[in-house]
C-alpha atoms as a PDB file:
ATOM      1  CA  MET A   1       0.053   0.314   0.083  1.00  0.00           C
ATOM      2  CA  VAL A   2       1.448   3.318  -0.896  1.00  0.00           C
ATOM      3  CA  LYS A   3       1.561   5.957   1.821  1.00  0.00           C
ATOM      4  CA  ILE A   4       2.284   9.573   1.958  1.00  0.00           C
ATOM      5  CA  TRP A   5       4.035  10.964   4.872  1.00  0.00           C
ATOM      6  CA  GLN A   6       3.151  14.819   5.400  1.00  0.00           C
ATOM      7  CA  PHE A   7       5.680  16.865   7.435  1.00  0.00           C
ATOM      8  CA  ALA A   8       6.254  20.658   7.918  1.00  0.00           C
ATOM      9  CA  VAL A   9       9.694  21.883   6.924  1.00  0.00           C
ATOM     10  CA  THR A  10      10.117  24.382   9.594  1.00  0.00           C
ATOM     11  CA  GLY A  11      12.246  23.446  12.735  1.00  0.00           C
ATOM     12  CA  TRP A  12      13.163  19.752  12.235  1.00  0.00           C
ATOM     13  CA  LEU A  13      13.194  16.920   9.330  1.00  0.00           C
ATOM     14  CA  GLY A  14      12.563  13.433  10.184  1.00  0.00           C
ATOM     15  CA  CYS A  15      13.418   9.924   8.825  1.00  0.00           C
ATOM     16  CA  VAL A  16      11.585   6.724   8.214  1.00  0.00           C
ATOM     17  CA  GLY A  17      12.007   3.297   7.670  1.00  0.00           C
ATOM     18  CA  VAL A  18      10.434  -0.191   8.198  1.00  0.00           C
ATOM     19  CA  THR A  19      12.516  -3.178   7.430  1.00  0.00           C
ATOM     20  CA  ALA A  20      15.950  -4.748   8.212  1.00  0.00           C
ATOM     21  CA  VAL A  21      19.209  -3.963   6.368  1.00  0.00           C
ATOM     22  CA  SER A  22      22.147  -5.834   7.077  1.00  0.00           C
ATOM     23  CA  VAL A  23      25.863  -4.085   7.256  1.00  0.00           C
ATOM     24  CA  ASN A  24      28.023  -4.815   4.315  1.00  0.00           C
ATOM     25  CA  PRO A  25      31.484  -3.419   4.611  1.00  0.00           C
ATOM     26  CA  ALA A  26      32.256  -3.913   0.870  1.00  0.00           C
ATOM     27  CA  PHE A  27      30.836  -1.326  -0.993  1.00  0.00           C
ATOM     28  CA  ALA A  28      30.815   1.166  -4.086  1.00  0.00           C
ATOM     29  CA  GLN A  29      31.432   4.668  -3.023  1.00  0.00           C
ATOM     30  CA  LEU A  30      30.187   7.755  -4.752  1.00  0.00           C
ATOM     31  CA  THR A  31      28.805   6.890  -8.465  1.00  0.00           C
ATOM     32  CA  PRO A  32      26.998   9.586  -9.637  1.00  0.00           C
ATOM     33  CA  ASP A  33      24.154   8.821 -12.339  1.00  0.00           C
ATOM     34  CA  ASN A  34      23.392  10.160 -15.611  1.00  0.00           C
ATOM     35  CA  SER A  35      19.592  11.106 -14.895  1.00  0.00           C
ATOM     36  CA  LEU A  36      20.633  15.007 -14.526  1.00  0.00           C
ATOM     37  CA  GLY A  37      22.073  15.043 -17.844  1.00  0.00           C
ATOM     38  CA  SER A  38      24.430  18.115 -18.493  1.00  0.00           C
ATOM     39  CA  GLU A  39      23.621  18.725 -14.637  1.00  0.00           C
ATOM     40  CA  ARG A  40      25.028  15.525 -13.316  1.00  0.00           C
ATOM     41  CA  SER A  41      26.507  15.538  -9.856  1.00  0.00           C
ATOM     42  CA  GLN A  42      30.232  15.666  -9.396  1.00  0.00           C
ATOM     43  CA  VAL A  43      32.396  13.993  -7.340  1.00  0.00           C
ATOM     44  CA  ILE A  44      35.740  16.004  -6.458  1.00  0.00           C
ATOM     45  CA  PRO A  45      38.548  14.844  -4.302  1.00  0.00           C
ATOM     46  CA  PHE A  46      39.332  17.509  -1.935  1.00  0.00           C
ATOM     47  CA  ASP A  47      42.265  15.877   0.059  1.00  0.00           C
ATOM     48  CA  GLN A  48      43.344  12.505   1.270  1.00  0.00           C
ATOM     49  CA  LYS A  49      40.349  12.224   3.393  1.00  0.00           C
ATOM     50  CA  ASN A  50      37.561  14.308   1.813  1.00  0.00           C
ATOM     51  CA  ASP A  51      35.499  14.498  -1.377  1.00  0.00           C
ATOM     52  CA  ILE A  52      33.223  17.224  -2.300  1.00  0.00           C
ATOM     53  CA  ILE A  53      29.980  16.927  -4.424  1.00  0.00           C
ATOM     54  CA  ASP A  54      29.398  19.786  -6.691  1.00  0.00           C
ATOM     55  CA  GLY A  55      27.397  20.164 -10.009  1.00  0.00           C
ATOM     56  CA  GLY A  56      23.779  19.181  -9.768  1.00  0.00           C
ATOM     57  CA  ALA A  57      20.564  20.530 -11.018  1.00  0.00           C
ATOM     58  CA  ALA A  58      19.676  24.025  -9.444  1.00  0.00           C
ATOM     59  CA  ARG A  59      16.163  25.039  -9.440  1.00  0.00           C
ATOM     60  CA  GLY A  60      15.426  28.442  -7.540  1.00  0.00           C
ATOM     61  CA  ALA A  61      16.909  27.923  -3.832  1.00  0.00           C
ATOM     62  CA  ASN A  62      16.916  24.243  -4.162  1.00  0.00           C
ATOM     63  CA  LEU A  63      19.973  21.923  -5.712  1.00  0.00           C
ATOM     64  CA  PHE A  64      19.261  18.455  -7.221  1.00  0.00           C
ATOM     65  CA  HIS A  65      21.828  15.534  -7.047  1.00  0.00           C
ATOM     66  CA  SER A  66      21.341  12.013  -8.067  1.00  0.00           C
ATOM     67  CA  PHE A  67      23.621   9.127  -7.622  1.00  0.00           C
ATOM     68  CA  GLN A  68      23.757   5.265  -8.659  1.00  0.00           C
ATOM     69  CA  ASP A  69      25.399   4.511  -5.256  1.00  0.00           C
ATOM     70  CA  PHE A  70      25.954   6.987  -2.482  1.00  0.00           C
ATOM     71  CA  ASN A  71      28.375   5.712   0.303  1.00  0.00           C
ATOM     72  CA  VAL A  72      30.824   7.348   2.839  1.00  0.00           C
ATOM     73  CA  SER A  73      33.693   5.080   3.940  1.00  0.00           C
ATOM     74  CA  ASP A  74      34.806   5.003   7.600  1.00  0.00           C
ATOM     75  CA  GLY A  75      37.433   7.433   8.194  1.00  0.00           C
ATOM     76  CA  ARG A  76      36.330   9.847   4.853  1.00  0.00           C
ATOM     77  CA  GLY A  77      34.338  12.905   4.758  1.00  0.00           C
ATOM     78  CA  VAL A  78      32.015  13.696   2.068  1.00  0.00           C
ATOM     79  CA  TYR A  79      30.653  17.324   1.988  1.00  0.00           C
ATOM     80  CA  PHE A  80      28.160  18.723  -0.390  1.00  0.00           C
ATOM     81  CA  ALA A  81      29.188  22.204  -2.124  1.00  0.00           C
ATOM     82  CA  ASN A  82      26.430  24.850  -0.919  1.00  0.00           C
ATOM     83  CA  PRO A  83      26.292  27.533  -3.821  1.00  0.00           C
ATOM     84  CA  GLN A  84      24.925  30.844  -2.993  1.00  0.00           C
ATOM     85  CA  GLY A  85      21.474  31.306  -2.787  1.00  0.00           C
ATOM     86  CA  ILE A  86      20.846  27.628  -2.064  1.00  0.00           C
ATOM     87  CA  THR A  87      18.764  26.557   0.927  1.00  0.00           C
ATOM     88  CA  ASN A  88      17.936  22.917   0.232  1.00  0.00           C
ATOM     89  CA  ILE A  89      20.114  20.359  -1.298  1.00  0.00           C
ATOM     90  CA  PHE A  90      17.853  17.230  -2.527  1.00  0.00           C
ATOM     91  CA  SER A  91      20.063  14.077  -2.969  1.00  0.00           C
ATOM     92  CA  ARG A  92      18.375  10.636  -4.447  1.00  0.00           C
ATOM     93  CA  VAL A  93      20.126   7.272  -4.773  1.00  0.00           C
ATOM     94  CA  THR A  94      18.827   5.059  -7.956  1.00  0.00           C
ATOM     95  CA  GLY A  95      20.408   1.948  -7.753  1.00  0.00           C
ATOM     96  CA  GLY A  96      19.641  -0.747  -6.055  1.00  0.00           C
ATOM     97  CA  ASN A  97      21.912  -0.610  -3.439  1.00  0.00           C
ATOM     98  CA  SER A  98      21.534   0.847   0.490  1.00  0.00           C
ATOM     99  CA  SER A  99      23.644   3.723   1.409  1.00  0.00           C
ATOM    100  CA  ASN A 100      26.070   2.857   3.989  1.00  0.00           C
ATOM    101  CA  ILE A 101      27.349   5.817   6.089  1.00  0.00           C
ATOM    102  CA  PHE A 102      30.530   4.976   8.001  1.00  0.00           C
ATOM    103  CA  GLY A 103      32.164   8.439   7.975  1.00  0.00           C
ATOM    104  CA  ARG A 104      31.553  12.295   7.648  1.00  0.00           C
ATOM    105  CA  LEU A 105      28.791  13.417   5.733  1.00  0.00           C
ATOM    106  CA  GLY A 106      28.344  16.916   5.577  1.00  0.00           C
ATOM    107  CA  VAL A 107      27.452  20.372   3.684  1.00  0.00           C
ATOM    108  CA  ASP A 108      29.538  23.036   3.199  1.00  0.00           C
ATOM    109  CA  GLY A 109      27.070  25.859   4.182  1.00  0.00           C
ATOM    110  CA  ALA A 110      24.208  26.166   5.945  1.00  0.00           C
ATOM    111  CA  ALA A 111      21.554  24.493   3.821  1.00  0.00           C
ATOM    112  CA  ASN A 112      19.216  21.532   4.599  1.00  0.00           C
ATOM    113  CA  LEU A 113      20.266  18.330   3.304  1.00  0.00           C
ATOM    114  CA  PHE A 114      17.691  15.630   1.943  1.00  0.00           C
ATOM    115  CA  LEU A 115      19.074  11.734   1.688  1.00  0.00           C
ATOM    116  CA  LEU A 116      16.584   9.661  -0.362  1.00  0.00           C
ATOM    117  CA  ASN A 117      17.245   5.973  -0.723  1.00  0.00           C
ATOM    118  CA  PRO A 118      14.495   3.507  -1.091  1.00  0.00           C
ATOM    119  CA  ASN A 119      16.853   0.620  -0.412  1.00  0.00           C
ATOM    120  CA  GLY A 120      17.844   1.766   3.255  1.00  0.00           C
ATOM    121  CA  ILE A 121      20.437   3.896   4.738  1.00  0.00           C
ATOM    122  CA  VAL A 122      22.925   2.666   7.387  1.00  0.00           C
ATOM    123  CA  PHE A 123      24.756   4.732   9.827  1.00  0.00           C
ATOM    124  CA  GLY A 124      28.138   3.258  11.189  1.00  0.00           C
ATOM    125  CA  GLN A 125      29.551   3.124  14.663  1.00  0.00           C
ATOM    126  CA  ASN A 126      31.783   6.135  13.438  1.00  0.00           C
ATOM    127  CA  ALA A 127      29.133   8.050  11.452  1.00  0.00           C
ATOM    128  CA  GLN A 128      29.313  11.718  11.736  1.00  0.00           C
ATOM    129  CA  LEU A 129      26.767  14.538  10.439  1.00  0.00           C
ATOM    130  CA  ASP A 130      28.439  17.833  10.061  1.00  0.00           C
ATOM    131  CA  ILE A 131      25.413  19.768   9.105  1.00  0.00           C
ATOM    132  CA  GLN A 132      24.721  23.481  10.202  1.00  0.00           C
ATOM    133  CA  GLY A 133      20.893  23.384   8.842  1.00  0.00           C
ATOM    134  CA  SER A 134      18.521  19.971   9.281  1.00  0.00           C
ATOM    135  CA  PHE A 135      19.035  16.720   7.935  1.00  0.00           C
ATOM    136  CA  LEU A 136      16.045  14.257   6.349  1.00  0.00           C
ATOM    137  CA  GLY A 137      17.070  10.860   5.536  1.00  0.00           C
ATOM    138  CA  THR A 138      14.193   8.550   4.088  1.00  0.00           C
ATOM    139  CA  THR A 139      13.632   5.481   2.459  1.00  0.00           C
ATOM    140  CA  ALA A 140      10.662   6.816   0.433  1.00  0.00           C
ATOM    141  CA  ASN A 141      10.559   6.322  -3.377  1.00  0.00           C
ATOM    142  CA  SER A 142      10.085  10.369  -3.903  1.00  0.00           C
ATOM    143  CA  LEU A 143       9.598  13.837  -2.281  1.00  0.00           C
ATOM    144  CA  VAL A 144       6.199  14.773  -3.246  1.00  0.00           C
ATOM    145  CA  PHE A 145       6.265  18.789  -3.846  1.00  0.00           C
ATOM    146  CA  ALA A 146       3.016  21.250  -3.316  1.00  0.00           C
ATOM    147  CA  ASN A 147       2.653  21.774  -7.073  1.00  0.00           C
ATOM    148  CA  GLY A 148       2.482  17.807  -7.946  1.00  0.00           C
ATOM    149  CA  ILE A 149       6.427  17.494  -8.825  1.00  0.00           C
ATOM    150  CA  GLU A 150       7.789  14.244  -7.451  1.00  0.00           C
ATOM    151  CA  PHE A 151      11.402  13.939  -7.068  1.00  0.00           C
ATOM    152  CA  SER A 152      11.844  10.110  -7.642  1.00  0.00           C
ATOM    153  CA  ALA A 153      14.536   7.526  -6.606  1.00  0.00           C
ATOM    154  CA  THR A 154      12.475   4.920  -8.338  1.00  0.00           C
ATOM    155  CA  ASN A 155      11.698   6.564 -11.551  1.00  0.00           C
ATOM    156  CA  PRO A 156      14.414   9.155 -12.052  1.00  0.00           C
ATOM    157  CA  GLN A 157      13.910  12.278 -14.216  1.00  0.00           C
ATOM    158  CA  ALA A 158      15.539  15.815 -14.304  1.00  0.00           C
ATOM    159  CA  PRO A 159      13.356  17.830 -12.202  1.00  0.00           C
ATOM    160  CA  SER A 160      11.205  20.266 -13.814  1.00  0.00           C
ATOM    161  CA  LEU A 161      12.153  24.127 -14.418  1.00  0.00           C
ATOM    162  CA  LEU A 162       9.056  24.747 -12.630  1.00  0.00           C
ATOM    163  CA  ASN A 163       9.102  26.758  -9.504  1.00  0.00           C
ATOM    164  CA  ILE A 164       9.824  24.174  -6.930  1.00  0.00           C
ATOM    165  CA  ASN A 165       9.247  24.883  -2.827  1.00  0.00           C
ATOM    166  CA  VAL A 166      10.043  22.438   0.063  1.00  0.00           C
ATOM    167  CA  PRO A 167       8.240  19.152  -0.003  1.00  0.00           C
ATOM    168  CA  VAL A 168       4.930  18.697   1.262  1.00  0.00           C
ATOM    169  CA  GLY A 169       5.321  14.491   1.887  1.00  0.00           C
ATOM    170  CA  LEU A 170       7.277  11.589   1.047  1.00  0.00           C
ATOM    171  CA  GLN A 171       5.331   8.610  -1.057  1.00  0.00           C
ATOM    172  CA  PHE A 172       6.384   5.350   0.004  1.00  0.00           C
ATOM    173  CA  GLY A 173       6.396   1.948  -2.067  1.00  0.00           C
ATOM    174  CA  SER A 174       5.298  -1.326  -0.951  1.00  0.00           C
ATOM    175  CA  GLN A 175       8.456  -2.530   0.609  1.00  0.00           C
ATOM    176  CA  PRO A 176      10.476   0.533   1.666  1.00  0.00           C
ATOM    177  CA  GLY A 177      14.035  -0.207   3.294  1.00  0.00           C
ATOM    178  CA  SER A 178      14.970   0.456   6.788  1.00  0.00           C
ATOM    179  CA  ILE A 179      17.106   3.243   8.517  1.00  0.00           C
ATOM    180  CA  THR A 180      19.568   1.562  10.870  1.00  0.00           C
ATOM    181  CA  SER A 181      22.149   3.379  13.280  1.00  0.00           C
ATOM    182  CA  HIS A 182      24.804   2.016  15.401  1.00  0.00           C
ATOM    183  CA  SER A 183      26.380   5.363  16.103  1.00  0.00           C
ATOM    184  CA  LEU A 184      23.609   6.651  18.583  1.00  0.00           C
ATOM    185  CA  ARG A 185      24.898   7.666  22.153  1.00  0.00           C
ATOM    186  CA  SER A 186      22.564   8.960  24.873  1.00  0.00           C
ATOM    187  CA  ASN A 187      24.038  12.516  24.782  1.00  0.00           C
ATOM    188  CA  SER A 188      23.495  12.684  20.969  1.00  0.00           C
ATOM    189  CA  LYS A 189      21.108  15.182  19.067  1.00  0.00           C
ATOM    190  CA  LEU A 190      20.290  12.289  16.680  1.00  0.00           C
ATOM    191  CA  SER A 191      17.632  10.389  18.189  1.00  0.00           C
ATOM    192  CA  ILE A 192      15.307   7.232  16.951  1.00  0.00           C
ATOM    193  CA  GLN A 193      11.555   7.373  17.969  1.00  0.00           C
ATOM    194  CA  ASN A 194       9.952   4.133  16.726  1.00  0.00           C
ATOM    195  CA  SER A 195      11.057   4.107  13.233  1.00  0.00           C
ATOM    196  CA  ASN A 196      11.532   7.853  12.863  1.00  0.00           C
ATOM    197  CA  ILE A 197      14.942   9.881  13.210  1.00  0.00           C
ATOM    198  CA  PHE A 198      15.094  13.226  13.950  1.00  0.00           C
ATOM    199  CA  THR A 199      18.053  15.682  13.558  1.00  0.00           C
ATOM    200  CA  PRO A 200      17.279  19.213  13.986  1.00  0.00           C
ATOM    201  CA  CYS A 201      20.210  21.420  13.049  1.00  0.00           C
ATOM    202  CA  ILE A 202      23.189  19.039  13.604  1.00  0.00           C
ATOM    203  CA  ASN A 203      26.974  19.754  13.580  1.00  0.00           C
ATOM    204  CA  ALA A 204      29.833  17.154  14.148  1.00  0.00           C
ATOM    205  CA  LEU A 205      27.719  14.632  15.822  1.00  0.00           C
ATOM    206  CA  SER A 206      29.864  11.825  16.751  1.00  0.00           C
END
């Protein structure tokens, strides 16, 4: 049964998952797909331990990225570039694998970060979020916007050139993956309540 989860993008963003995901240490790293055409996401090595994600499709104050695989290995950092005027960064994973976040995931700026992977998201023991804004990780199939536009991981297309505001909901398939965290601590700002993860304004979570 298809579900729509409605949420307000004001002070917090949430994450949803329902089924089990196993942790597999052998995985591909960051592999952009070709669904954005000439606006394809670009992975640029910054130094020996960090990569910058650049490019993407800018639509007003929103920036869209699309990946075949999206993983952050232990001991590495991956940061999304935050161009001037961008307040929301949307990233989807269109391949068939879950995303393993074992290192540091961040934004080089104050934009909110959305990570969409229907196959699941796993945060390892050493996972860190370095994000000044808010973070939403979800195993929904797509983000749904007020004007009916969807940013879909299962039916990937380039985002419309029409005006796109913040999303009003998430559309789930019949068997969404789970979100699993092995890095939670009692004093952490990252908390799981039932199957939801809330991460408002996290910076250097460890």
